[in-house]
Protein backbone atom coordinates (compact mmCIF):
# COMPACT_ATOMS: atom_id res chain seq x y z
CA MET A 1 -6.36 -1.43 2.64
CA SER A 2 -5.67 -0.29 6.15
CA ASP A 3 -7.18 3.08 6.99
CA ALA A 4 -4.52 3.89 9.57
CA ILE A 5 -0.77 3.77 9.95
CA VAL A 6 0.39 0.84 12.07
CA ASN A 7 3.16 1.45 14.60
CA LEU A 8 5.55 -1.50 14.78
CA GLY A 9 8.30 -2.41 17.21
CA GLU A 10 10.80 -5.20 17.73
CA GLN A 11 8.15 -7.64 19.01
CA ASP A 12 5.51 -7.37 16.28
CA PHE A 13 7.49 -6.39 13.17
CA ASP A 14 8.10 -9.83 11.61
CA ALA A 15 4.50 -10.98 12.02
CA ALA A 16 3.16 -7.70 10.62
CA VAL A 17 5.25 -7.84 7.43
CA ALA A 18 5.06 -11.61 6.84
CA GLN A 19 2.15 -11.43 4.38
CA GLY A 20 1.27 -8.98 1.63
CA THR A 21 2.82 -5.60 0.87
CA VAL A 22 3.88 -3.31 3.69
CA LEU A 23 5.41 0.15 3.27
CA VAL A 24 7.59 0.66 6.35
CA ASP A 25 8.69 4.16 7.37
CA PHE A 26 11.73 4.24 9.68
CA TRP A 27 11.54 7.58 11.49
CA ALA A 28 12.17 9.49 14.73
CA VAL A 29 10.19 12.14 16.60
CA TRP A 30 13.03 14.69 16.41
CA CYS A 31 13.46 14.33 12.61
CA GLY A 32 11.90 17.21 10.62
CA PRO A 33 11.97 15.43 7.24
CA CYS A 34 10.35 12.40 8.94
CA ARG A 35 7.38 14.57 9.93
CA MET A 36 7.07 15.72 6.30
CA GLN A 37 7.15 12.09 5.15
CA GLY A 38 4.53 11.18 7.74
CA LYS A 39 2.13 13.79 6.34
CA ILE A 40 2.61 12.37 2.82
CA LEU A 41 1.87 8.84 4.09
CA GLU A 42 -1.24 10.02 5.94
CA GLU A 43 -2.46 11.79 2.79
CA LEU A 44 -1.94 8.59 0.75
CA ILE A 45 -4.16 6.69 3.17
CA VAL A 46 -6.85 9.38 3.45
CA SER A 47 -7.00 9.91 -0.31
CA GLY A 48 -7.20 6.19 -1.06
CA GLN A 49 -4.29 6.32 -3.53
CA LEU A 50 -2.63 3.15 -2.25
CA PRO A 51 -3.52 -0.15 -3.92
CA ALA A 52 -5.90 -2.41 -1.99
CA GLY A 53 -4.17 -4.57 0.60
CA VAL A 54 -1.14 -2.32 1.12
CA THR A 55 -0.33 -1.60 4.77
CA VAL A 56 1.60 1.47 5.90
CA ALA A 57 3.71 1.00 9.02
CA LYS A 58 6.06 3.18 11.02
CA VAL A 59 9.08 2.10 13.06
CA ASN A 60 10.50 4.62 15.52
CA VAL A 61 14.29 4.08 15.29
CA ASP A 62 14.80 5.37 18.84
CA GLU A 63 12.37 2.77 20.22
CA ALA A 64 13.45 -0.10 17.93
CA PRO A 65 17.22 0.28 17.39
CA MET A 66 17.70 -3.43 16.64
CA LEU A 67 15.24 -3.22 13.73
CA ALA A 68 16.95 -0.11 12.40
CA ASN A 69 20.29 -1.90 12.59
CA ARG A 70 18.91 -5.06 10.97
CA PHE A 71 17.79 -3.09 7.91
CA GLY A 72 20.88 -0.89 7.77
CA VAL A 73 19.09 2.36 8.54
CA ARG A 74 21.75 5.09 8.48
CA SER A 75 19.61 8.10 7.49
CA ILE A 76 15.98 8.81 8.17
CA PRO A 77 13.38 8.86 6.90
CA MET A 78 14.06 5.54 5.25
CA LEU A 79 11.19 3.72 3.60
CA LEU A 80 11.23 0.01 2.92
CA VAL A 81 8.80 -1.86 0.70
CA MET A 82 8.28 -5.36 2.14
CA LYS A 83 6.55 -8.09 0.14
CA ASN A 84 5.70 -11.28 2.01
CA GLY A 85 8.35 -10.61 4.63
CA LYS A 86 11.18 -9.71 2.25
CA PRO A 87 12.53 -6.20 1.55
CA VAL A 88 12.20 -5.48 -2.18
CA GLN A 89 12.84 -1.74 -2.42
CA GLN A 90 14.28 1.00 -0.24
CA PHE A 91 14.21 4.79 -0.31
CA VAL A 92 16.22 7.25 1.79
CA GLY A 93 14.92 10.78 2.32
CA VAL A 94 11.48 12.26 1.79
CA GLN A 95 9.62 10.59 -1.10
CA ASP A 96 6.63 12.03 -2.92
CA ALA A 97 3.27 10.28 -3.08
CA ALA A 98 3.60 9.20 -6.73
CA THR A 99 6.95 7.47 -6.10
CA LEU A 100 5.53 5.53 -3.16
CA VAL A 101 2.35 4.49 -4.97
CA GLU A 102 4.45 3.18 -7.87
CA ALA A 103 6.76 1.29 -5.48
CA VAL A 104 3.91 -0.63 -3.84
CA SER A 105 1.85 -1.24 -6.99
């Protein structure tokens, strides 16, 4: 398991999500609920609640608008569970820790 959140952009996104399970948080600096979601994600990492091998990544929608468009991001925060490069589950709005752990397990 990664012990830090990975920041992804247009250039490195596909390579970063190609293998394994990645929980991607689409967010923006100005978004209050996104900051709340970020704290929940940080707590998941610090507490070790995520299954081994799961990576948590963030995509700033203002810095990577093509990625946001590609995944149909209309509201943020939007979380996407990627397994071996393919989106398998999506959540819109702030999600609690238990919901996210279940989604990536």
